[in-house]
Amino acid sequence: MSLCVCVCVCVCIQTLQDKVCEFQARLRSEEVTRHLLLQQLQQVSVQERTSVGVGGGIQASASPNGEHRAELQQFEDLHGQL
């Protein structure tokens, strides 16, 4: 095998390894994001269960967690489909 072909193959292998590393980093990042969103959803769920108002109804929450409830619910639905 000529030196030129060997260099080309090595460059291709390195490029492929770089792409694999980037892909793995993206997967880890997505998993961390998924984990954090799930934690937030669980916190919202606990807060809703513990903020019972007069008459047994759930009180409306003006907290940031309450504002993102719909987004977190969508995430939970998507996560359940995985």
N, C-alpha and C. Protein backbone atom coordinates (compact mmCIF):
# COMPACT_ATOMS: atom_id res chain seq x y z
N MET A 1 0.85 -1.17 0.00
CA MET A 1 0.00 0.00 0.00
C MET A 1 0.90 1.23 0.00
N SER A 2 0.55 2.20 -0.79
CA SER A 2 1.40 3.39 -0.88
C SER A 2 1.17 4.30 0.33
N LEU A 3 2.15 5.16 0.55
CA LEU A 3 2.08 6.08 1.68
C LEU A 3 0.87 7.00 1.58
N CYS A 4 0.54 7.43 0.38
CA CYS A 4 -0.60 8.34 0.17
C CYS A 4 -1.91 7.66 0.58
N VAL A 5 -2.07 6.40 0.21
CA VAL A 5 -3.28 5.66 0.54
C VAL A 5 -3.36 5.46 2.05
N CYS A 6 -2.23 5.14 2.70
CA CYS A 6 -2.20 4.94 4.14
C CYS A 6 -2.59 6.21 4.88
N VAL A 7 -2.06 7.33 4.42
CA VAL A 7 -2.39 8.62 5.05
C VAL A 7 -3.87 8.92 4.89
N CYS A 8 -4.40 8.67 3.70
CA CYS A 8 -5.81 8.92 3.43
C CYS A 8 -6.69 8.04 4.32
N VAL A 9 -6.33 6.78 4.45
CA VAL A 9 -7.09 5.86 5.29
C VAL A 9 -7.03 6.31 6.75
N CYS A 10 -5.85 6.71 7.22
CA CYS A 10 -5.70 7.18 8.60
C CYS A 10 -6.54 8.43 8.85
N VAL A 11 -6.57 9.34 7.89
CA VAL A 11 -7.36 10.56 8.03
C VAL A 11 -8.85 10.21 8.06
N CYS A 12 -9.27 9.27 7.22
CA CYS A 12 -10.67 8.84 7.21
C CYS A 12 -11.05 8.18 8.53
N ILE A 13 -10.16 7.36 9.06
CA ILE A 13 -10.42 6.70 10.34
C ILE A 13 -10.53 7.73 11.45
N GLN A 14 -9.61 8.70 11.46
CA GLN A 14 -9.64 9.74 12.49
C GLN A 14 -10.93 10.55 12.38
N THR A 15 -11.33 10.89 11.16
CA THR A 15 -12.57 11.64 10.96
C THR A 15 -13.76 10.84 11.48
N LEU A 16 -13.77 9.56 11.19
CA LEU A 16 -14.85 8.70 11.67
C LEU A 16 -14.85 8.62 13.19
N GLN A 17 -13.69 8.50 13.80
CA GLN A 17 -13.59 8.47 15.26
C GLN A 17 -14.09 9.79 15.86
N ASP A 18 -13.73 10.90 15.22
CA ASP A 18 -14.20 12.20 15.70
C ASP A 18 -15.72 12.29 15.65
N LYS A 19 -16.30 11.80 14.55
CA LYS A 19 -17.76 11.83 14.40
C LYS A 19 -18.43 10.95 15.47
N VAL A 20 -17.84 9.80 15.76
CA VAL A 20 -18.39 8.90 16.79
C VAL A 20 -18.33 9.60 18.15
N CYS A 21 -17.23 10.27 18.45
CA CYS A 21 -17.09 10.98 19.73
C CYS A 21 -18.12 12.10 19.83
N GLU A 22 -18.32 12.85 18.74
CA GLU A 22 -19.32 13.92 18.73
C GLU A 22 -20.72 13.34 18.96
N PHE A 23 -21.00 12.23 18.31
CA PHE A 23 -22.31 11.59 18.45
C PHE A 23 -22.53 11.12 19.89
N GLN A 24 -21.51 10.50 20.48
CA GLN A 24 -21.62 10.03 21.86
C GLN A 24 -21.81 11.20 22.83
N ALA A 25 -21.11 12.31 22.59
CA ALA A 25 -21.27 13.49 23.44
C ALA A 25 -22.69 14.04 23.32
N ARG A 26 -23.23 14.05 22.11
CA ARG A 26 -24.60 14.54 21.91
C ARG A 26 -25.60 13.63 22.62
N LEU A 27 -25.39 12.33 22.55
CA LEU A 27 -26.26 11.39 23.25
C LEU A 27 -26.21 11.61 24.76
N ARG A 28 -25.00 11.80 25.30
CA ARG A 28 -24.87 12.06 26.74
C ARG A 28 -25.58 13.35 27.12
N SER A 29 -25.43 14.37 26.30
CA SER A 29 -26.08 15.65 26.57
C SER A 29 -27.60 15.50 26.56
N GLU A 30 -28.12 14.77 25.58
CA GLU A 30 -29.56 14.55 25.51
C GLU A 30 -30.05 13.75 26.71
N GLU A 31 -29.26 12.79 27.16
CA GLU A 31 -29.65 11.99 28.33
C GLU A 31 -29.67 12.85 29.59
N VAL A 32 -28.69 13.73 29.74
CA VAL A 32 -28.66 14.63 30.89
C VAL A 32 -29.88 15.55 30.85
N THR A 33 -30.19 16.08 29.67
CA THR A 33 -31.36 16.95 29.52
C THR A 33 -32.62 16.20 29.88
N ARG A 34 -32.75 14.97 29.38
CA ARG A 34 -33.91 14.14 29.67
C ARG A 34 -34.04 13.89 31.18
N HIS A 35 -32.91 13.62 31.81
CA HIS A 35 -32.90 13.36 33.26
C HIS A 35 -33.34 14.61 34.03
N LEU A 36 -32.82 15.78 33.66
CA LEU A 36 -33.18 17.01 34.35
C LEU A 36 -34.66 17.34 34.16
N LEU A 37 -35.16 17.16 32.95
CA LEU A 37 -36.58 17.42 32.71
C LEU A 37 -37.47 16.47 33.51
N LEU A 38 -37.05 15.23 33.59
CA LEU A 38 -37.81 14.26 34.37
C LEU A 38 -37.82 14.64 35.85
N GLN A 39 -36.67 15.10 36.36
CA GLN A 39 -36.61 15.56 37.74
C GLN A 39 -37.57 16.73 37.96
N GLN A 40 -37.57 17.68 37.02
CA GLN A 40 -38.46 18.84 37.15
C GLN A 40 -39.92 18.39 37.14
N LEU A 41 -40.23 17.46 36.26
CA LEU A 41 -41.60 16.96 36.19
C LEU A 41 -42.00 16.29 37.51
N GLN A 42 -41.10 15.53 38.08
CA GLN A 42 -41.38 14.88 39.35
C GLN A 42 -41.57 15.91 40.46
N GLN A 43 -40.76 16.98 40.45
CA GLN A 43 -40.90 18.03 41.46
C GLN A 43 -42.26 18.72 41.32
N VAL A 44 -42.65 19.01 40.09
CA VAL A 44 -43.94 19.64 39.84
C VAL A 44 -45.06 18.73 40.34
N SER A 45 -44.94 17.47 40.06
CA SER A 45 -45.95 16.51 40.48
C SER A 45 -46.06 16.47 42.01
N VAL A 46 -44.93 16.46 42.69
CA VAL A 46 -44.93 16.45 44.16
C VAL A 46 -45.52 17.74 44.69
N GLN A 47 -45.15 18.88 44.09
CA GLN A 47 -45.67 20.17 44.54
C GLN A 47 -47.19 20.23 44.37
N GLU A 48 -47.67 19.70 43.26
CA GLU A 48 -49.12 19.73 43.03
C GLU A 48 -49.85 18.85 44.04
N ARG A 49 -49.25 17.73 44.40
CA ARG A 49 -49.89 16.84 45.37
C ARG A 49 -49.87 17.44 46.77
N THR A 50 -48.85 18.26 47.08
CA THR A 50 -48.73 18.81 48.43
C THR A 50 -49.38 20.18 48.57
N SER A 51 -49.81 20.81 47.47
CA SER A 51 -50.43 22.13 47.59
C SER A 51 -51.94 22.01 47.42
N VAL A 52 -52.54 21.30 48.33
CA VAL A 52 -53.99 21.11 48.31
C VAL A 52 -54.64 22.29 49.00
N GLY A 53 -55.61 22.91 48.34
CA GLY A 53 -56.27 24.09 48.91
C GLY A 53 -57.53 23.70 49.66
N VAL A 54 -58.29 24.69 50.07
CA VAL A 54 -59.55 24.48 50.77
C VAL A 54 -60.50 23.72 49.86
N GLY A 55 -61.17 22.75 50.40
CA GLY A 55 -62.10 21.95 49.60
C GLY A 55 -61.41 20.82 48.87
N GLY A 56 -60.11 20.63 49.08
CA GLY A 56 -59.41 19.50 48.48
C GLY A 56 -58.93 19.73 47.06
N GLY A 57 -59.11 20.93 46.52
CA GLY A 57 -58.68 21.19 45.14
C GLY A 57 -57.21 21.56 45.09
N ILE A 58 -56.62 21.39 43.94
CA ILE A 58 -55.22 21.78 43.75
C ILE A 58 -55.19 23.28 43.48
N GLN A 59 -54.30 23.98 44.17
CA GLN A 59 -54.16 25.42 43.95
C GLN A 59 -53.33 25.67 42.72
N ALA A 60 -53.65 26.75 42.01
CA ALA A 60 -52.86 27.12 40.83
C ALA A 60 -51.50 27.61 41.31
N SER A 61 -50.48 27.27 40.58
CA SER A 61 -49.13 27.65 40.96
C SER A 61 -48.60 28.69 40.00
N ALA A 62 -47.99 29.74 40.52
CA ALA A 62 -47.37 30.76 39.69
C ALA A 62 -45.87 30.56 39.63
N SER A 63 -45.39 29.45 40.14
CA SER A 63 -43.95 29.19 40.15
C SER A 63 -43.48 28.85 38.75
N PRO A 64 -42.16 28.99 38.50
CA PRO A 64 -41.62 28.62 37.18
C PRO A 64 -41.96 27.17 36.83
N ASN A 65 -41.95 26.28 37.81
CA ASN A 65 -42.29 24.88 37.53
C ASN A 65 -43.72 24.77 37.01
N GLY A 66 -44.63 25.54 37.58
CA GLY A 66 -46.01 25.52 37.12
C GLY A 66 -46.14 26.02 35.69
N GLU A 67 -45.31 26.99 35.33
CA GLU A 67 -45.35 27.56 33.98
C GLU A 67 -44.91 26.54 32.93
N HIS A 68 -44.06 25.63 33.30
CA HIS A 68 -43.50 24.68 32.34
C HIS A 68 -44.17 23.32 32.40
N ARG A 69 -45.27 23.23 33.10
CA ARG A 69 -45.95 21.94 33.27
C ARG A 69 -46.31 21.30 31.94
N ALA A 70 -46.85 22.08 31.00
CA ALA A 70 -47.25 21.52 29.70
C ALA A 70 -46.04 20.97 28.95
N GLU A 71 -44.94 21.71 28.98
CA GLU A 71 -43.73 21.25 28.30
C GLU A 71 -43.22 19.96 28.93
N LEU A 72 -43.23 19.91 30.25
CA LEU A 72 -42.78 18.72 30.95
C LEU A 72 -43.69 17.54 30.67
N GLN A 73 -44.99 17.80 30.55
CA GLN A 73 -45.92 16.72 30.24
C GLN A 73 -45.64 16.17 28.85
N GLN A 74 -45.35 17.06 27.89
CA GLN A 74 -45.01 16.61 26.54
C GLN A 74 -43.76 15.75 26.58
N PHE A 75 -42.77 16.17 27.38
CA PHE A 75 -41.55 15.38 27.50
C PHE A 75 -41.86 14.00 28.07
N GLU A 76 -42.69 13.97 29.12
CA GLU A 76 -43.04 12.69 29.73
C GLU A 76 -43.74 11.78 28.72
N ASP A 77 -44.62 12.36 27.91
CA ASP A 77 -45.31 11.56 26.88
C ASP A 77 -44.31 11.01 25.89
N LEU A 78 -43.37 11.84 25.44
CA LEU A 78 -42.35 11.38 24.49
C LEU A 78 -41.45 10.34 25.14
N HIS A 79 -41.07 10.59 26.38
CA HIS A 79 -40.18 9.66 27.09
C HIS A 79 -40.86 8.30 27.23
N GLY A 80 -42.17 8.30 27.46
CA GLY A 80 -42.91 7.04 27.60
C GLY A 80 -42.95 6.25 26.30
N GLN A 81 -42.79 6.94 25.18
CA GLN A 81 -42.83 6.27 23.87
C GLN A 81 -41.52 5.61 23.53
N LEU A 82 -40.44 5.99 24.24
CA LEU A 82 -39.11 5.42 23.93
C LEU A 82 -39.00 3.98 24.34
